[in-house]
Amino acid sequence: MRLYDELFTLYEFEVVNMRLDKYLKVSRLIKRRTVANEACDAGRVSVNGKVVKASYDVKVGDIIEIAFGNKTVKAEVTQISETTKKEDAKEMYNIL
């Protein structure tokens, strides 16, 4: 029973990291996960100055840069959660 209690408490905490494509979708920086995946594959998304793939694990404090045509969006990850409401999505990052 003790092992069960330990495992249960692990799931009560906030998510520590998440795939980049999923984070971009959940935070609504990019509307669809497939579009986020394609942007990563095309090399238009970088984290902490390095071009990364969609499978990169995003952590709190990472700086994400997304190139939208001739416009670049730079955001700092402040929170990671599996799901969020539309109104609360902007709390997951700070635009720099």
C-alpha atoms as a PDB file:
ATOM      1  CA  MET A   1       0.000   0.000   0.000  1.00  0.00           C
ATOM      2  CA  ARG A   2       2.914   2.369   0.640  1.00  0.00           C
ATOM      3  CA  LEU A   3       4.122   2.159  -2.963  1.00  0.00           C
ATOM      4  CA  TYR A   4       0.631   3.060  -4.175  1.00  0.00           C
ATOM      5  CA  ASP A   5       0.594   6.143  -1.902  1.00  0.00           C
ATOM      6  CA  GLU A   6       3.982   7.273  -3.232  1.00  0.00           C
ATOM      7  CA  LEU A   7       2.888   6.876  -6.854  1.00  0.00           C
ATOM      8  CA  PHE A   8      -0.375   8.678  -6.190  1.00  0.00           C
ATOM      9  CA  THR A   9       1.407  11.709  -4.706  1.00  0.00           C
ATOM     10  CA  LEU A  10       3.633  11.934  -7.791  1.00  0.00           C
ATOM     11  CA  TYR A  11       0.582  12.620  -9.966  1.00  0.00           C
ATOM     12  CA  GLU A  12      -0.668  15.420  -7.729  1.00  0.00           C
ATOM     13  CA  PHE A  13       2.179  17.719  -8.738  1.00  0.00           C
ATOM     14  CA  GLU A  14       2.326  19.940 -11.789  1.00  0.00           C
ATOM     15  CA  VAL A  15       3.760  18.527 -15.029  1.00  0.00           C
ATOM     16  CA  VAL A  16       7.523  19.102 -15.137  1.00  0.00           C
ATOM     17  CA  ASN A  17       8.127  18.833 -18.882  1.00  0.00           C
ATOM     18  CA  MET A  18       6.150  18.326 -22.075  1.00  0.00           C
ATOM     19  CA  ARG A  19       6.806  17.739 -25.773  1.00  0.00           C
ATOM     20  CA  LEU A  20       7.354  21.017 -27.627  1.00  0.00           C
ATOM     21  CA  ASP A  21       4.578  20.460 -30.194  1.00  0.00           C
ATOM     22  CA  LYS A  22       2.047  19.690 -27.459  1.00  0.00           C
ATOM     23  CA  TYR A  23       3.141  22.722 -25.404  1.00  0.00           C
ATOM     24  CA  LEU A  24       2.720  25.036 -28.404  1.00  0.00           C
ATOM     25  CA  LYS A  25      -0.809  23.695 -28.901  1.00  0.00           C
ATOM     26  CA  VAL A  26      -1.893  23.712 -25.231  1.00  0.00           C
ATOM     27  CA  SER A  27      -0.510  27.227 -24.680  1.00  0.00           C
ATOM     28  CA  ARG A  28      -2.164  28.301 -27.932  1.00  0.00           C
ATOM     29  CA  LEU A  29       1.011  29.830 -29.334  1.00  0.00           C
ATOM     30  CA  ILE A  30       0.160  27.681 -32.391  1.00  0.00           C
ATOM     31  CA  LYS A  31      -3.449  26.647 -32.981  1.00  0.00           C
ATOM     32  CA  ARG A  32      -3.015  22.984 -33.971  1.00  0.00           C
ATOM     33  CA  ARG A  33      -0.517  20.352 -32.895  1.00  0.00           C
ATOM     34  CA  THR A  34       0.052  19.179 -36.471  1.00  0.00           C
ATOM     35  CA  VAL A  35       0.923  22.747 -37.500  1.00  0.00           C
ATOM     36  CA  ALA A  36       3.295  22.987 -34.518  1.00  0.00           C
ATOM     37  CA  ASN A  37       4.874  19.690 -35.577  1.00  0.00           C
ATOM     38  CA  GLU A  38       5.343  20.936 -39.148  1.00  0.00           C
ATOM     39  CA  ALA A  39       6.867  24.215 -37.932  1.00  0.00           C
ATOM     40  CA  CYS A  40       9.370  22.280 -35.816  1.00  0.00           C
ATOM     41  CA  ASP A  41      10.237  19.955 -38.717  1.00  0.00           C
ATOM     42  CA  ALA A  42      10.804  22.985 -40.979  1.00  0.00           C
ATOM     43  CA  GLY A  43      13.293  24.460 -38.483  1.00  0.00           C
ATOM     44  CA  ARG A  44      11.153  27.507 -37.653  1.00  0.00           C
ATOM     45  CA  VAL A  45      11.076  26.828 -33.892  1.00  0.00           C
ATOM     46  CA  SER A  46      14.072  27.178 -31.592  1.00  0.00           C
ATOM     47  CA  VAL A  47      14.452  26.763 -27.844  1.00  0.00           C
ATOM     48  CA  ASN A  48      17.217  28.606 -25.986  1.00  0.00           C
ATOM     49  CA  GLY A  49      18.812  29.564 -29.310  1.00  0.00           C
ATOM     50  CA  LYS A  50      18.928  26.041 -30.770  1.00  0.00           C
ATOM     51  CA  VAL A  51      16.657  24.685 -33.512  1.00  0.00           C
ATOM     52  CA  VAL A  52      14.849  21.692 -32.031  1.00  0.00           C
ATOM     53  CA  LYS A  53      12.489  18.931 -33.101  1.00  0.00           C
ATOM     54  CA  ALA A  54       8.873  18.544 -31.997  1.00  0.00           C
ATOM     55  CA  SER A  55       9.880  15.841 -29.514  1.00  0.00           C
ATOM     56  CA  TYR A  56      12.030  18.253 -27.456  1.00  0.00           C
ATOM     57  CA  ASP A  57      10.969  18.336 -23.780  1.00  0.00           C
ATOM     58  CA  VAL A  58      10.072  21.908 -22.819  1.00  0.00           C
ATOM     59  CA  LYS A  59      10.828  22.985 -19.245  1.00  0.00           C
ATOM     60  CA  VAL A  60       9.862  26.053 -17.217  1.00  0.00           C
ATOM     61  CA  GLY A  61      12.320  28.853 -17.995  1.00  0.00           C
ATOM     62  CA  ASP A  62      12.974  27.845 -21.615  1.00  0.00           C
ATOM     63  CA  ILE A  63      12.885  30.605 -24.245  1.00  0.00           C
ATOM     64  CA  ILE A  64      10.928  29.600 -27.367  1.00  0.00           C
ATOM     65  CA  GLU A  65      11.323  31.477 -30.665  1.00  0.00           C
ATOM     66  CA  ILE A  66       8.837  30.869 -33.476  1.00  0.00           C
ATOM     67  CA  ALA A  67       9.318  32.310 -36.974  1.00  0.00           C
ATOM     68  CA  PHE A  68       5.967  33.201 -38.596  1.00  0.00           C
ATOM     69  CA  GLY A  69       6.930  34.375 -42.086  1.00  0.00           C
ATOM     70  CA  ASN A  70       8.891  37.593 -41.518  1.00  0.00           C
ATOM     71  CA  LYS A  71       7.665  37.965 -37.911  1.00  0.00           C
ATOM     72  CA  THR A  72       9.312  36.234 -34.943  1.00  0.00           C
ATOM     73  CA  VAL A  73       7.596  35.548 -31.621  1.00  0.00           C
ATOM     74  CA  LYS A  74       9.786  35.042 -28.564  1.00  0.00           C
ATOM     75  CA  ALA A  75       8.212  33.640 -25.380  1.00  0.00           C
ATOM     76  CA  GLU A  76       9.466  32.391 -22.010  1.00  0.00           C
ATOM     77  CA  VAL A  77       7.824  29.259 -20.585  1.00  0.00           C
ATOM     78  CA  THR A  78       6.378  30.096 -17.149  1.00  0.00           C
ATOM     79  CA  GLN A  79       4.031  27.162 -16.585  1.00  0.00           C
ATOM     80  CA  ILE A  80       3.398  23.697 -18.002  1.00  0.00           C
ATOM     81  CA  SER A  81       0.067  21.898 -17.702  1.00  0.00           C
ATOM     82  CA  GLU A  82      -1.595  19.071 -19.628  1.00  0.00           C
ATOM     83  CA  THR A  83      -4.730  21.085 -20.373  1.00  0.00           C
ATOM     84  CA  THR A  84      -5.835  24.670 -19.872  1.00  0.00           C
ATOM     85  CA  LYS A  85      -8.795  26.905 -20.572  1.00  0.00           C
ATOM     86  CA  LYS A  86      -8.548  29.433 -23.369  1.00  0.00           C
ATOM     87  CA  GLU A  87      -8.545  32.323 -20.889  1.00  0.00           C
ATOM     88  CA  ASP A  88      -5.741  30.782 -18.813  1.00  0.00           C
ATOM     89  CA  ALA A  89      -3.465  29.830 -21.732  1.00  0.00           C
ATOM     90  CA  LYS A  90      -1.631  33.180 -21.656  1.00  0.00           C
ATOM     91  CA  GLU A  91      -0.444  32.424 -18.109  1.00  0.00           C
ATOM     92  CA  MET A  92       1.713  29.602 -19.500  1.00  0.00           C
ATOM     93  CA  TYR A  93       4.205  32.004 -21.125  1.00  0.00           C
ATOM     94  CA  ASN A  94       5.503  35.586 -21.185  1.00  0.00           C
ATOM     95  CA  ILE A  95       6.070  37.312 -24.522  1.00  0.00           C
ATOM     96  CA  LEU A  96       9.572  38.827 -24.638  1.00  0.00           C
END
